[in-house]
Amino acid sequence: MPDLSARYDGKPVLRLLDSYVLDAIGALDEKTVQGNTILAPKIAQALKVEADTWQRAVELSMDLPEDSIVELRARRQ
């Protein structure tokens, strides 16, 4: 089986975007949730945005609407 994590090599924003979508649909593992929550200030700094949560940092850095998580959840159901 191929190493699927290799797809993130050199692409930290892709990893965050995947985490964002997985979090929105309730499929993000707890370890990643906790890690991203702890690293939220550093994630926001790296993405050059001002945000209180890592999810909001992703939204701002990608110009996503604030209600993107709600929309993703609604489409999942």
C-alpha atoms as a PDB file:
ATOM      1  CA  MET A   1       0.000   0.000   0.000  1.00  0.00           C
ATOM      2  CA  PRO A   2       1.430   3.418  -0.922  1.00  0.00           C
ATOM      3  CA  ASP A   3       2.304   5.974   1.749  1.00  0.00           C
ATOM      4  CA  LEU A   4      -0.563   8.441   1.414  1.00  0.00           C
ATOM      5  CA  SER A   5       1.110  10.971   3.716  1.00  0.00           C
ATOM      6  CA  ALA A   6       3.759  11.494   1.005  1.00  0.00           C
ATOM      7  CA  ARG A   7       1.221  13.571  -0.915  1.00  0.00           C
ATOM      8  CA  TYR A   8       1.764  16.313   1.679  1.00  0.00           C
ATOM      9  CA  ASP A   9       5.535  16.479   1.254  1.00  0.00           C
ATOM     10  CA  GLY A  10       6.409  20.121   0.703  1.00  0.00           C
ATOM     11  CA  LYS A  11       2.704  21.083   0.762  1.00  0.00           C
ATOM     12  CA  PRO A  12       1.767  22.135   4.298  1.00  0.00           C
ATOM     13  CA  VAL A  13      -1.219  24.165   3.118  1.00  0.00           C
ATOM     14  CA  LEU A  14      -2.676  21.087   1.395  1.00  0.00           C
ATOM     15  CA  ARG A  15      -2.429  19.207   4.698  1.00  0.00           C
ATOM     16  CA  LEU A  16      -4.250  22.061   6.468  1.00  0.00           C
ATOM     17  CA  LEU A  17      -6.936  22.248   3.787  1.00  0.00           C
ATOM     18  CA  ASP A  18      -7.518  18.495   4.005  1.00  0.00           C
ATOM     19  CA  SER A  19      -7.689  18.796   7.789  1.00  0.00           C
ATOM     20  CA  TYR A  20     -10.171  21.651   7.449  1.00  0.00           C
ATOM     21  CA  VAL A  21     -12.507  19.602   5.249  1.00  0.00           C
ATOM     22  CA  LEU A  22     -12.175  16.481   7.388  1.00  0.00           C
ATOM     23  CA  ASP A  23     -12.875  18.562  10.507  1.00  0.00           C
ATOM     24  CA  ALA A  24     -15.944  20.098   8.872  1.00  0.00           C
ATOM     25  CA  ILE A  25     -17.440  16.693   8.162  1.00  0.00           C
ATOM     26  CA  GLY A  26     -16.449  15.273  11.549  1.00  0.00           C
ATOM     27  CA  ALA A  27     -13.821  12.884  10.189  1.00  0.00           C
ATOM     28  CA  LEU A  28     -10.603  14.474  11.459  1.00  0.00           C
ATOM     29  CA  ASP A  29      -8.732  12.320  13.951  1.00  0.00           C
ATOM     30  CA  GLU A  30      -8.475  13.615  17.523  1.00  0.00           C
ATOM     31  CA  LYS A  31      -4.670  13.757  17.475  1.00  0.00           C
ATOM     32  CA  THR A  32      -4.720  16.158  14.517  1.00  0.00           C
ATOM     33  CA  VAL A  33      -7.533  18.207  16.047  1.00  0.00           C
ATOM     34  CA  GLN A  34      -5.543  18.644  19.251  1.00  0.00           C
ATOM     35  CA  GLY A  35      -2.289  19.376  17.434  1.00  0.00           C
ATOM     36  CA  ASN A  36      -3.838  21.964  15.128  1.00  0.00           C
ATOM     37  CA  THR A  37      -5.641  23.593  18.048  1.00  0.00           C
ATOM     38  CA  ILE A  38      -2.413  23.924  20.016  1.00  0.00           C
ATOM     39  CA  LEU A  39      -0.584  25.213  16.936  1.00  0.00           C
ATOM     40  CA  ALA A  40      -3.357  27.619  15.892  1.00  0.00           C
ATOM     41  CA  PRO A  41      -1.328  30.787  16.645  1.00  0.00           C
ATOM     42  CA  LYS A  42       1.656  29.465  14.688  1.00  0.00           C
ATOM     43  CA  ILE A  43      -0.562  28.308  11.822  1.00  0.00           C
ATOM     44  CA  ALA A  44      -2.113  31.776  11.595  1.00  0.00           C
ATOM     45  CA  GLN A  45       1.326  33.364  11.690  1.00  0.00           C
ATOM     46  CA  ALA A  46       2.660  31.041   8.970  1.00  0.00           C
ATOM     47  CA  LEU A  47      -0.366  31.796   6.794  1.00  0.00           C
ATOM     48  CA  LYS A  48       0.064  35.522   7.496  1.00  0.00           C
ATOM     49  CA  VAL A  49      -3.453  36.036   8.840  1.00  0.00           C
ATOM     50  CA  GLU A  50      -4.974  37.066  12.145  1.00  0.00           C
ATOM     51  CA  ALA A  51      -7.209  34.286  13.412  1.00  0.00           C
ATOM     52  CA  ASP A  52      -8.229  32.748  16.730  1.00  0.00           C
ATOM     53  CA  THR A  53      -8.557  29.202  15.384  1.00  0.00           C
ATOM     54  CA  TRP A  54      -6.648  27.162  12.863  1.00  0.00           C
ATOM     55  CA  GLN A  55      -9.890  26.690  10.913  1.00  0.00           C
ATOM     56  CA  ARG A  56     -10.367  30.435  10.600  1.00  0.00           C
ATOM     57  CA  ALA A  57      -6.716  30.823   9.587  1.00  0.00           C
ATOM     58  CA  VAL A  58      -7.317  28.395   6.712  1.00  0.00           C
ATOM     59  CA  GLU A  59     -10.489  30.245   5.703  1.00  0.00           C
ATOM     60  CA  LEU A  60      -8.755  33.618   5.676  1.00  0.00           C
ATOM     61  CA  SER A  61      -5.655  32.426   3.865  1.00  0.00           C
ATOM     62  CA  MET A  62      -7.745  30.816   1.119  1.00  0.00           C
ATOM     63  CA  ASP A  63     -10.428  33.521   0.950  1.00  0.00           C
ATOM     64  CA  LEU A  64     -13.117  31.042   1.997  1.00  0.00           C
ATOM     65  CA  PRO A  65     -16.422  32.365   3.325  1.00  0.00           C
ATOM     66  CA  GLU A  66     -16.790  32.277   7.109  1.00  0.00           C
ATOM     67  CA  ASP A  67     -19.642  29.786   6.814  1.00  0.00           C
ATOM     68  CA  SER A  68     -17.643  27.272   4.771  1.00  0.00           C
ATOM     69  CA  ILE A  69     -17.645  24.715   7.582  1.00  0.00           C
ATOM     70  CA  VAL A  70     -21.420  24.967   7.898  1.00  0.00           C
ATOM     71  CA  GLU A  71     -21.802  24.590   4.137  1.00  0.00           C
ATOM     72  CA  LEU A  72     -19.516  21.546   4.019  1.00  0.00           C
ATOM     73  CA  ARG A  73     -21.433  19.905   6.846  1.00  0.00           C
ATOM     74  CA  ALA A  74     -24.753  20.586   5.131  1.00  0.00           C
ATOM     75  CA  ARG A  75     -23.531  19.053   1.864  1.00  0.00           C
ATOM     76  CA  ARG A  76     -22.236  16.005   3.716  1.00  0.00           C
ATOM     77  CA  GLN A  77     -25.691  15.109   5.054  1.00  0.00           C
END
